[in-house]
Protein backbone atom coordinates (compact mmCIF):
# COMPACT_ATOMS: atom_id res chain seq x y z
CA UNK A 1 199.92 135.22 115.36
CA UNK A 2 202.76 134.29 113.04
CA UNK A 3 200.43 134.44 110.03
CA UNK A 4 199.08 137.78 111.22
CA UNK A 5 202.56 139.23 111.61
CA UNK A 6 203.54 137.85 108.19
CA UNK A 7 200.41 139.35 106.63
CA UNK A 8 201.08 142.68 108.27
CA UNK A 9 204.64 142.58 107.04
CA UNK A 10 203.50 141.83 103.49
CA UNK A 11 200.98 144.65 103.65
CA UNK A 12 203.69 146.95 104.99
CA UNK A 13 206.03 146.00 102.14
CA UNK A 14 203.24 146.53 99.62
CA UNK A 15 202.47 149.94 101.09
CA UNK A 16 206.15 150.83 101.00
CA UNK A 17 206.43 149.77 97.36
CA UNK A 18 203.28 151.73 96.50
CA UNK A 19 204.64 154.79 98.29
CA UNK A 20 207.95 154.43 96.48
CA UNK A 21 206.11 154.16 93.16
CA UNK A 22 204.20 157.34 93.93
CA UNK A 23 207.43 159.13 94.86
CA UNK A 24 209.07 157.98 91.62
CA UNK A 25 206.05 159.11 89.60
CA UNK A 26 205.98 162.49 91.36
CA UNK A 27 209.71 162.98 90.77
CA UNK A 28 209.21 162.17 87.09
CA UNK A 29 206.23 164.54 86.88
CA UNK A 30 208.17 167.42 88.39
CA UNK A 31 211.27 166.78 86.28
CA UNK A 32 209.26 166.66 83.04
CA UNK A 33 207.25 169.79 83.81
CA UNK A 34 210.37 171.77 84.75
CA UNK A 35 212.15 170.61 81.59
CA UNK A 36 209.06 171.80 79.71
CA UNK A 37 209.29 175.16 81.46
CA UNK A 38 212.96 175.41 80.44
CA UNK A 39 212.09 174.70 76.79
CA UNK A 40 209.30 177.26 76.70
CA UNK A 41 211.53 179.75 78.52
CA UNK A 42 214.30 179.30 75.94
CA UNK A 43 211.84 179.94 73.11
CA UNK A 44 210.41 182.93 74.99
CA UNK A 45 213.90 184.42 75.29
CA UNK A 46 214.53 183.66 71.61
CA UNK A 47 211.38 185.55 70.59
CA UNK A 48 212.28 188.43 72.90
CA UNK A 49 215.77 188.84 71.43
CA UNK A 50 214.50 188.78 67.84
CA UNK A 51 211.87 191.49 68.42
CA UNK A 52 210.09 190.61 65.18
CA UNK A 53 206.93 192.41 64.18
CA UNK A 54 203.94 190.61 65.64
CA UNK A 55 206.05 188.71 68.20
CA UNK A 56 203.86 190.03 71.03
CA UNK A 57 201.32 187.22 70.78
CA UNK A 58 204.09 184.63 70.84
CA UNK A 59 205.62 186.28 73.89
CA UNK A 60 202.22 186.25 75.58
CA UNK A 61 201.54 182.56 74.86
CA UNK A 62 204.98 181.20 75.70
CA UNK A 63 205.29 183.48 78.71
CA UNK A 64 202.10 181.93 80.06
CA UNK A 65 203.30 178.39 79.30
CA UNK A 66 206.66 179.05 80.95
CA UNK A 67 205.06 180.44 84.11
CA UNK A 68 202.42 177.70 84.21
CA UNK A 69 204.92 174.83 83.91
CA UNK A 70 207.45 176.35 86.31
CA UNK A 71 204.92 177.04 89.07
CA UNK A 72 203.13 173.72 88.48
CA UNK A 73 206.27 171.81 89.38
CA UNK A 74 206.33 173.52 92.79
CA UNK A 75 202.58 172.94 93.22
CA UNK A 76 202.96 169.21 92.60
CA UNK A 77 206.03 169.00 94.81
CA UNK A 78 204.83 170.99 97.84
CA UNK A 79 201.07 171.29 97.40
CA UNK A 80 199.16 174.29 98.70
CA UNK A 81 196.04 176.09 97.55
CA UNK A 82 197.82 179.32 96.65
CA UNK A 83 200.28 177.52 94.37
CA UNK A 84 197.40 175.76 92.63
CA UNK A 85 195.66 179.12 92.18
CA UNK A 86 198.83 180.54 90.61
CA UNK A 87 198.94 177.61 88.20
CA UNK A 88 195.34 178.09 87.13
CA UNK A 89 195.74 181.86 86.96
CA UNK A 90 198.08 181.15 84.05
CA UNK A 91 196.02 178.25 82.68
CA UNK A 92 192.84 180.32 82.46
CA UNK A 93 194.63 182.77 80.13
CA UNK A 94 195.47 180.02 77.62
CA UNK A 95 192.22 180.25 75.58
CA UNK A 96 192.81 183.93 74.84
CA UNK A 97 196.55 183.46 74.28
CA UNK A 98 196.06 180.54 71.87
CA UNK A 99 193.44 182.41 69.86
CA UNK A 100 195.59 185.52 69.51
CA UNK A 101 198.60 183.39 68.56
CA UNK A 102 196.68 181.47 65.88
CA UNK A 103 195.30 184.75 64.52
CA UNK A 104 198.80 186.18 64.25
CA UNK A 105 200.08 183.06 62.50
CA UNK A 106 197.48 183.44 59.77
CA UNK A 107 197.99 187.22 59.57
CA UNK A 108 194.24 187.72 59.35
CA UNK A 109 191.45 188.29 61.86
CA UNK A 110 189.55 185.42 63.45
CA UNK A 111 185.75 185.55 63.48
CA UNK A 112 184.33 187.78 66.19
CA UNK A 113 182.50 184.88 67.83
CA UNK A 114 185.74 182.97 68.41
CA UNK A 115 187.48 186.02 69.86
CA UNK A 116 184.51 186.62 72.14
CA UNK A 117 184.43 182.97 73.22
CA UNK A 118 188.14 182.89 74.04
CA UNK A 119 188.02 186.20 75.90
CA UNK A 120 184.89 185.20 77.81
CA UNK A 121 186.31 181.83 78.91
CA UNK A 122 189.58 183.39 80.06
CA UNK A 123 187.91 186.29 81.88
CA UNK A 124 185.26 184.12 83.56
CA UNK A 125 187.53 181.40 84.90
CA UNK A 126 190.36 183.80 85.78
CA UNK A 127 187.88 185.66 87.99
CA UNK A 128 186.47 182.45 89.48
CA UNK A 129 190.00 181.26 90.26
CA UNK A 130 190.59 184.40 92.32
CA UNK A 131 187.73 183.59 94.70
CA UNK A 132 187.50 179.79 94.59
CA UNK A 133 189.82 176.81 94.53
CA UNK A 134 189.41 175.94 90.86
CA UNK A 135 191.83 173.01 91.11
CA UNK A 136 189.83 171.48 93.98
CA UNK A 137 186.37 172.13 92.53
CA UNK A 138 185.80 169.20 90.16
CA UNK A 139 182.64 170.53 88.40
CA UNK A 140 184.24 173.93 87.73
CA UNK A 141 187.51 172.29 86.66
CA UNK A 142 185.77 169.98 84.19
CA UNK A 143 183.76 172.91 82.85
CA UNK A 144 186.94 174.91 82.28
CA UNK A 145 188.61 171.95 80.55
CA UNK A 146 185.59 171.53 78.29
CA UNK A 147 185.63 175.22 77.37
CA UNK A 148 189.38 175.06 76.73
CA UNK A 149 188.86 172.06 74.45
CA UNK A 150 186.13 173.91 72.53
CA UNK A 151 188.35 176.97 72.00
CA UNK A 152 191.29 174.79 70.95
CA UNK A 153 189.14 172.77 68.54
CA UNK A 154 187.65 175.96 67.09
CA UNK A 155 191.08 177.38 66.39
CA UNK A 156 192.16 174.09 64.81
CA UNK A 157 189.04 173.88 62.68
CA UNK A 158 189.52 177.44 61.51
CA UNK A 159 193.09 176.67 60.48
CA UNK A 160 191.99 173.66 58.45
CA UNK A 161 188.91 175.35 57.01
CA UNK A 162 190.89 178.33 55.73
CA UNK A 163 193.74 176.17 54.44
CA UNK A 164 192.47 175.65 50.93
CA UNK A 165 190.40 178.77 50.59
CA UNK A 166 192.38 181.75 51.78
CA UNK A 167 195.91 180.68 52.65
CA UNK A 168 199.07 180.70 50.61
CA UNK A 169 201.06 177.47 50.23
CA UNK A 170 203.45 178.32 53.08
CA UNK A 171 200.59 179.39 55.37
CA UNK A 172 198.77 176.15 54.59
CA UNK A 173 201.84 174.11 55.56
CA UNK A 174 202.12 176.08 58.79
CA UNK A 175 198.44 175.47 59.54
CA UNK A 176 198.82 171.73 58.98
CA UNK A 177 201.86 171.60 61.25
CA UNK A 178 200.07 173.51 64.03
CA UNK A 179 197.02 171.25 63.86
CA UNK A 180 199.17 168.11 63.91
CA UNK A 181 201.16 169.18 66.96
CA UNK A 182 198.00 170.24 68.83
CA UNK A 183 196.40 166.86 68.09
CA UNK A 184 199.52 165.16 69.44
CA UNK A 185 199.67 167.42 72.50
CA UNK A 186 196.05 167.11 73.66
CA UNK A 187 196.27 163.46 74.87
CA UNK A 188 199.50 164.35 76.65
CA UNK A 189 197.85 167.32 78.34
CA UNK A 190 195.00 165.07 79.54
CA UNK A 191 197.48 162.97 81.56
CA UNK A 192 198.13 165.98 83.82
CA UNK A 193 194.77 165.29 85.47
CA UNK A 194 195.86 161.99 86.97
CA UNK A 195 193.73 162.31 90.10
CA UNK A 196 190.55 163.01 88.12
CA UNK A 197 191.13 160.40 85.39
CA UNK A 198 192.78 157.65 87.41
CA UNK A 199 194.97 154.86 86.04
CA UNK A 200 197.44 157.40 84.59
CA UNK A 201 200.98 156.47 85.68
CA UNK A 202 202.75 159.74 84.79
CA UNK A 203 201.90 163.29 83.76
CA UNK A 204 203.10 164.13 80.25
CA UNK A 205 201.49 167.50 79.50
CA UNK A 206 204.82 169.30 79.46
CA UNK A 207 205.93 167.05 76.59
CA UNK A 208 203.13 168.59 74.53
CA UNK A 209 204.48 172.08 75.21
CA UNK A 210 208.00 170.95 74.29
CA UNK A 211 206.71 169.34 71.10
CA UNK A 212 204.93 172.59 70.24
CA UNK A 213 208.16 174.58 70.57
CA UNK A 214 210.12 171.85 68.76
CA UNK A 215 207.78 171.95 65.78
CA UNK A 216 207.91 175.73 65.43
CA UNK A 217 211.70 175.71 65.48
CA UNK A 218 211.92 172.97 62.85
CA UNK A 219 209.33 174.22 60.38
CA UNK A 220 210.61 174.24 56.81
CA UNK A 221 209.31 175.27 53.41
CA UNK A 222 209.39 171.74 52.00
CA UNK A 223 206.26 170.31 50.42
CA UNK A 224 206.10 167.47 52.97
CA UNK A 225 206.37 169.50 56.13
CA UNK A 226 204.00 167.34 58.21
CA UNK A 227 205.69 164.12 57.18
CA UNK A 228 209.08 165.65 57.94
CA UNK A 229 207.96 166.81 61.39
CA UNK A 230 206.53 163.40 62.23
CA UNK A 231 209.80 161.81 61.14
CA UNK A 232 211.71 164.20 63.40
CA UNK A 233 209.43 163.38 66.32
CA UNK A 234 209.94 159.66 65.69
CA UNK A 235 213.71 160.18 65.65
CA UNK A 236 213.51 162.09 68.94
CA UNK A 237 211.51 159.19 70.40
CA UNK A 238 214.21 156.72 69.35
CA UNK A 239 216.94 158.85 70.93
CA UNK A 240 214.86 159.13 74.11
CA UNK A 241 214.44 155.35 74.24
CA UNK A 242 218.20 154.90 73.89
CA UNK A 243 218.88 157.48 76.62
CA UNK A 244 216.33 155.89 78.98
CA UNK A 245 217.85 152.47 78.32
CA UNK A 246 221.36 153.68 79.04
CA UNK A 247 220.28 155.35 82.30
CA UNK A 248 218.38 152.21 83.36
CA UNK A 249 221.44 150.09 82.59
CA UNK A 250 223.65 152.42 84.63
CA UNK A 251 221.33 152.51 87.66
CA UNK A 252 219.74 149.02 87.69
CA UNK A 253 221.99 146.89 85.51
CA UNK A 254 220.71 144.35 83.00
CA UNK A 255 218.65 142.45 85.59
CA UNK A 256 214.89 141.98 85.93
CA UNK A 257 214.24 145.64 86.77
CA UNK A 258 215.89 146.98 83.60
CA UNK A 259 212.74 147.23 81.45
CA UNK A 260 210.67 148.78 84.25
CA UNK A 261 213.40 151.33 85.02
CA UNK A 262 213.70 152.20 81.33
CA UNK A 263 209.95 152.79 81.03
CA UNK A 264 209.91 154.96 84.17
CA UNK A 265 212.76 157.06 82.79
CA UNK A 266 211.26 157.41 79.31
CA UNK A 267 209.24 160.63 79.97
CA UNK A 268 212.25 162.44 81.43
CA UNK A 269 214.48 161.15 78.63
CA UNK A 270 212.02 162.36 75.98
CA UNK A 271 211.75 165.76 77.65
CA UNK A 272 215.54 166.01 77.80
CA UNK A 273 215.96 165.07 74.12
CA UNK A 274 213.36 167.66 73.05
CA UNK A 275 214.91 170.32 75.29
CA UNK A 276 218.38 169.59 73.87
CA UNK A 277 217.08 169.80 70.32
CA UNK A 278 215.33 173.08 71.12
CA UNK A 279 218.52 174.55 72.57
CA UNK A 280 220.65 173.43 69.61
CA UNK A 281 218.12 174.71 67.08
CA UNK A 282 217.78 178.09 68.81
CA UNK A 283 221.56 178.39 68.91
CA UNK A 284 221.81 177.57 65.19
CA UNK A 285 219.07 180.05 64.25
CA UNK A 286 220.64 182.72 66.45
CA UNK A 287 224.01 182.24 64.75
CA UNK A 288 222.32 182.49 61.36
CA UNK A 289 220.69 185.71 62.55
CA UNK A 290 224.08 187.08 63.52
CA UNK A 291 225.30 186.17 60.03
CA UNK A 292 222.51 188.20 58.49
CA UNK A 293 224.26 191.32 59.84
CA UNK A 294 226.63 191.01 56.88
CA UNK A 295 223.70 190.97 54.48
CA UNK A 296 222.20 194.01 56.17
CA UNK A 297 225.54 195.80 55.86
CA UNK A 298 225.80 194.82 52.19
CA UNK A 299 222.30 196.13 51.58
CA UNK A 300 223.32 199.62 52.75
CA UNK A 301 226.96 199.66 51.58
CA UNK A 302 227.99 202.30 49.05
CA UNK A 303 228.41 200.82 45.57
CA UNK A 304 229.05 204.02 43.63
CA UNK A 305 232.87 204.04 43.81
CA UNK A 306 235.61 201.70 45.13
CA UNK A 307 236.55 204.31 47.74
CA UNK A 308 232.95 204.65 48.92
CA UNK A 309 232.58 200.89 49.14
CA UNK A 310 235.77 200.47 51.15
CA UNK A 311 234.74 203.34 53.42
CA UNK A 312 231.55 201.39 54.16
CA UNK A 313 233.71 198.68 55.74
CA UNK A 314 233.84 200.90 58.84
CA UNK A 315 230.22 200.02 59.54
CA UNK A 316 230.82 196.24 59.50
CA UNK A 317 232.05 194.95 62.89
CA UNK A 318 234.52 192.41 61.53
CA UNK A 319 236.17 194.98 59.20
CA UNK A 320 235.80 198.12 61.31
CA UNK A 321 239.57 198.36 61.89
CA UNK A 322 240.60 197.64 58.29
CA UNK A 323 243.53 199.43 56.63
CA UNK A 324 243.48 200.61 53.00
CA UNK A 325 246.91 200.93 51.35
CA UNK A 326 247.43 202.82 48.10
CA UNK A 327 250.31 203.81 45.85
CA UNK A 328 251.97 206.01 48.47
CA UNK A 329 251.91 203.37 51.23
CA UNK A 330 253.07 200.57 48.89
CA UNK A 331 256.03 202.36 47.32
CA UNK A 332 259.03 200.04 47.23
CA UNK A 333 257.00 196.83 47.50
CA UNK A 334 257.25 194.12 44.83
CA UNK A 335 253.66 194.58 43.78
CA UNK A 336 254.05 193.06 40.30
CA UNK A 337 255.30 189.80 41.77
CA UNK A 338 252.70 189.92 44.55
CA UNK A 339 249.79 190.34 42.15
CA UNK A 340 251.30 187.68 39.90
CA UNK A 341 251.23 185.24 42.82
CA UNK A 342 247.78 186.04 44.21
CA UNK A 343 246.21 188.81 42.20
CA UNK A 344 243.67 186.47 40.59
CA UNK A 345 242.63 184.73 43.77
CA UNK A 346 239.02 185.16 44.80
CA UNK A 347 239.91 184.56 48.44
CA UNK A 348 241.87 186.79 50.81
CA UNK A 349 245.53 185.99 51.43
CA UNK A 350 246.30 185.09 55.04
CA UNK A 351 249.54 185.85 56.83
CA UNK A 352 250.10 182.12 57.16
CA UNK A 353 249.85 181.63 53.39
CA UNK A 354 252.30 184.49 52.76
CA UNK A 355 254.84 182.93 55.12
CA UNK A 356 254.34 179.53 53.51
CA UNK A 357 254.97 180.99 50.04
CA UNK A 358 258.16 182.62 51.29
CA UNK A 359 259.33 179.34 52.86
CA UNK A 360 258.62 177.33 49.70
CA UNK A 361 260.48 179.87 47.58
CA UNK A 362 263.44 179.81 49.95
CA UNK A 363 263.64 176.01 49.80
CA UNK A 364 263.37 175.95 46.00
CA UNK A 365 264.81 179.11 44.48
CA UNK A 366 264.43 177.68 40.96
CA UNK A 367 260.70 177.83 41.34
CA UNK A 368 260.80 181.64 41.48
CA UNK A 369 260.58 182.57 37.81
CA UNK A 370 260.82 186.31 38.35
CA UNK A 371 263.20 186.23 41.26
CA UNK A 372 260.93 188.55 43.27
CA UNK A 373 258.27 186.17 44.58
CA UNK A 374 260.12 185.37 47.79
CA UNK A 375 260.57 189.06 48.45
CA UNK A 376 256.91 189.80 47.64
CA UNK A 377 255.66 187.06 49.98
CA UNK A 378 257.99 188.18 52.77
CA UNK A 379 256.93 191.81 52.30
CA UNK A 380 253.24 190.85 52.50
CA UNK A 381 253.79 188.81 55.66
CA UNK A 382 255.75 191.67 57.20
CA UNK A 383 253.07 194.17 56.16
CA UNK A 384 250.32 192.11 57.84
CA UNK A 385 252.40 191.57 60.98
CA UNK A 386 253.32 195.24 61.27
CA UNK A 387 249.67 196.34 61.07
CA UNK A 388 248.56 193.43 63.30
CA UNK A 389 246.24 192.10 60.60
CA UNK A 390 245.50 188.54 59.51
CA UNK A 391 244.40 188.80 55.84
CA UNK A 392 245.04 190.93 52.78
CA UNK A 393 242.68 191.72 49.89
CA UNK A 394 244.62 192.37 46.69
CA UNK A 395 242.08 194.63 45.01
CA UNK A 396 243.83 196.28 42.04
CA UNK A 397 247.36 196.68 40.71
CA UNK A 398 246.79 199.91 38.74
CA UNK A 399 246.22 201.94 40.76
CA UNK A 400 247.69 199.91 43.63
CA UNK A 401 245.11 199.12 46.28
CA UNK A 402 245.46 196.55 49.05
CA UNK A 403 243.09 196.19 52.02
CA UNK A 404 244.28 194.61 55.27
CA UNK A 405 241.74 192.93 57.55
CA UNK A 406 241.78 191.39 61.00
CA UNK A 407 239.40 188.44 60.55
CA UNK A 408 238.11 186.26 63.41
CA UNK A 409 239.95 183.01 64.00
CA UNK A 410 238.81 179.69 65.40
CA UNK A 411 235.45 178.18 64.54
CA UNK A 412 234.26 181.27 62.63
CA UNK A 413 237.40 181.60 60.49
CA UNK A 414 235.86 180.05 57.38
CA UNK A 415 232.79 182.32 57.59
CA UNK A 416 234.96 185.42 57.98
CA UNK A 417 237.10 184.46 54.97
CA UNK A 418 234.00 183.83 52.87
CA UNK A 419 232.62 187.28 53.66
CA UNK A 420 236.01 188.82 52.91
CA UNK A 421 236.02 187.04 49.54
CA UNK A 422 232.65 188.63 48.72
CA UNK A 423 234.05 192.05 49.69
CA UNK A 424 237.12 191.44 47.51
CA UNK A 425 235.07 190.51 44.48
CA UNK A 426 232.81 193.54 44.81
CA UNK A 427 235.78 195.88 45.30
CA UNK A 428 237.49 194.50 42.19
CA UNK A 429 234.31 194.80 40.15
CA UNK A 430 233.86 198.44 41.19
CA UNK A 431 237.50 199.16 40.40
CA UNK A 432 237.21 197.65 36.94
CA UNK A 433 234.01 199.55 36.29
CA UNK A 434 235.63 202.84 37.29
CA UNK A 435 238.69 202.14 35.14
CA UNK A 436 236.48 201.42 32.13
């Protein structure tokens, strides 16, 4: 009896440990797939805000991936036939979405047979999923996976086959990068079918989607784009290993369970690292896009006369409230001394610099060769303060022309001053050309 009770207790403990392992694996699966949905959703929003020509196919593909990953987390967590049907309603559209996306990347039409194959697979299995439980029908599910693999391989083969024949150098690099990331993502996607394959501890398909977004955001025009992307992925893996190790140390300590806890946390850590990198990269690209507004303004600015150019400042957000001062407004100011101090500067003069010049001159009167530099600096500081402006552009002395600007402060101060310096140089050049 004692042995029987001991055996039952051991079996009960084993079952409890097995159940706990399954719960941990399920929690990891759901966390990874929802992090993947967040990454695809961020890229979807990024594409939507840019509204580039041809972005429709990207919106279609990443919209499907976002919906698929988001709903799949709920399906794994709660179960239910209708949730599984929602997941596969999105999944069955992937063959068509991938083919259209690859076609748009190459900016040329795919062969008609590939378009027909992708459309037929999507239409057939989307319809079947409406009337049957595709997730629970193993023969149909395996057939769909085989068709999806054929469509994916066909797109990849087409990218490689056209690389040397019909693509430019940049398009060839893009094709190589796409093929590499798809090859890396396919084994990860296969782990999502843990019940069918068996012996798969965690589902990692969402990592493939995150890697796909990561690669597109980090594409460059360097000659070694594939090597660079692989190096970036390796770096992300190292950071994920460090993060998983730190979390394991914090939750389990440095004892016997440290290595096991670190391995269990590795998928979530990798998904988090990729998601963070995606967010940071999108933010950086978005800021660069905001900076291109200055280039767009410069493209359409009037360059016929200094007055026309300065009038164009009204159309630039950061200079919309600028003030142009001429001979009449500057009567009585020590302009000769002011232009002697800063008239040759290529950068704008800030109110802080004007006050500093006045303070230095006051402390050392002998340094003021003309005797008017203190007065000129004080007048400039007073002029900026009175108009509630931060910087002055000393354009020309004859005729007198000074532009006052209210530039952004804080983290964007250096960028604003650099743009103002470009405006100053152009205004001076136009003034010199008109005087000549």
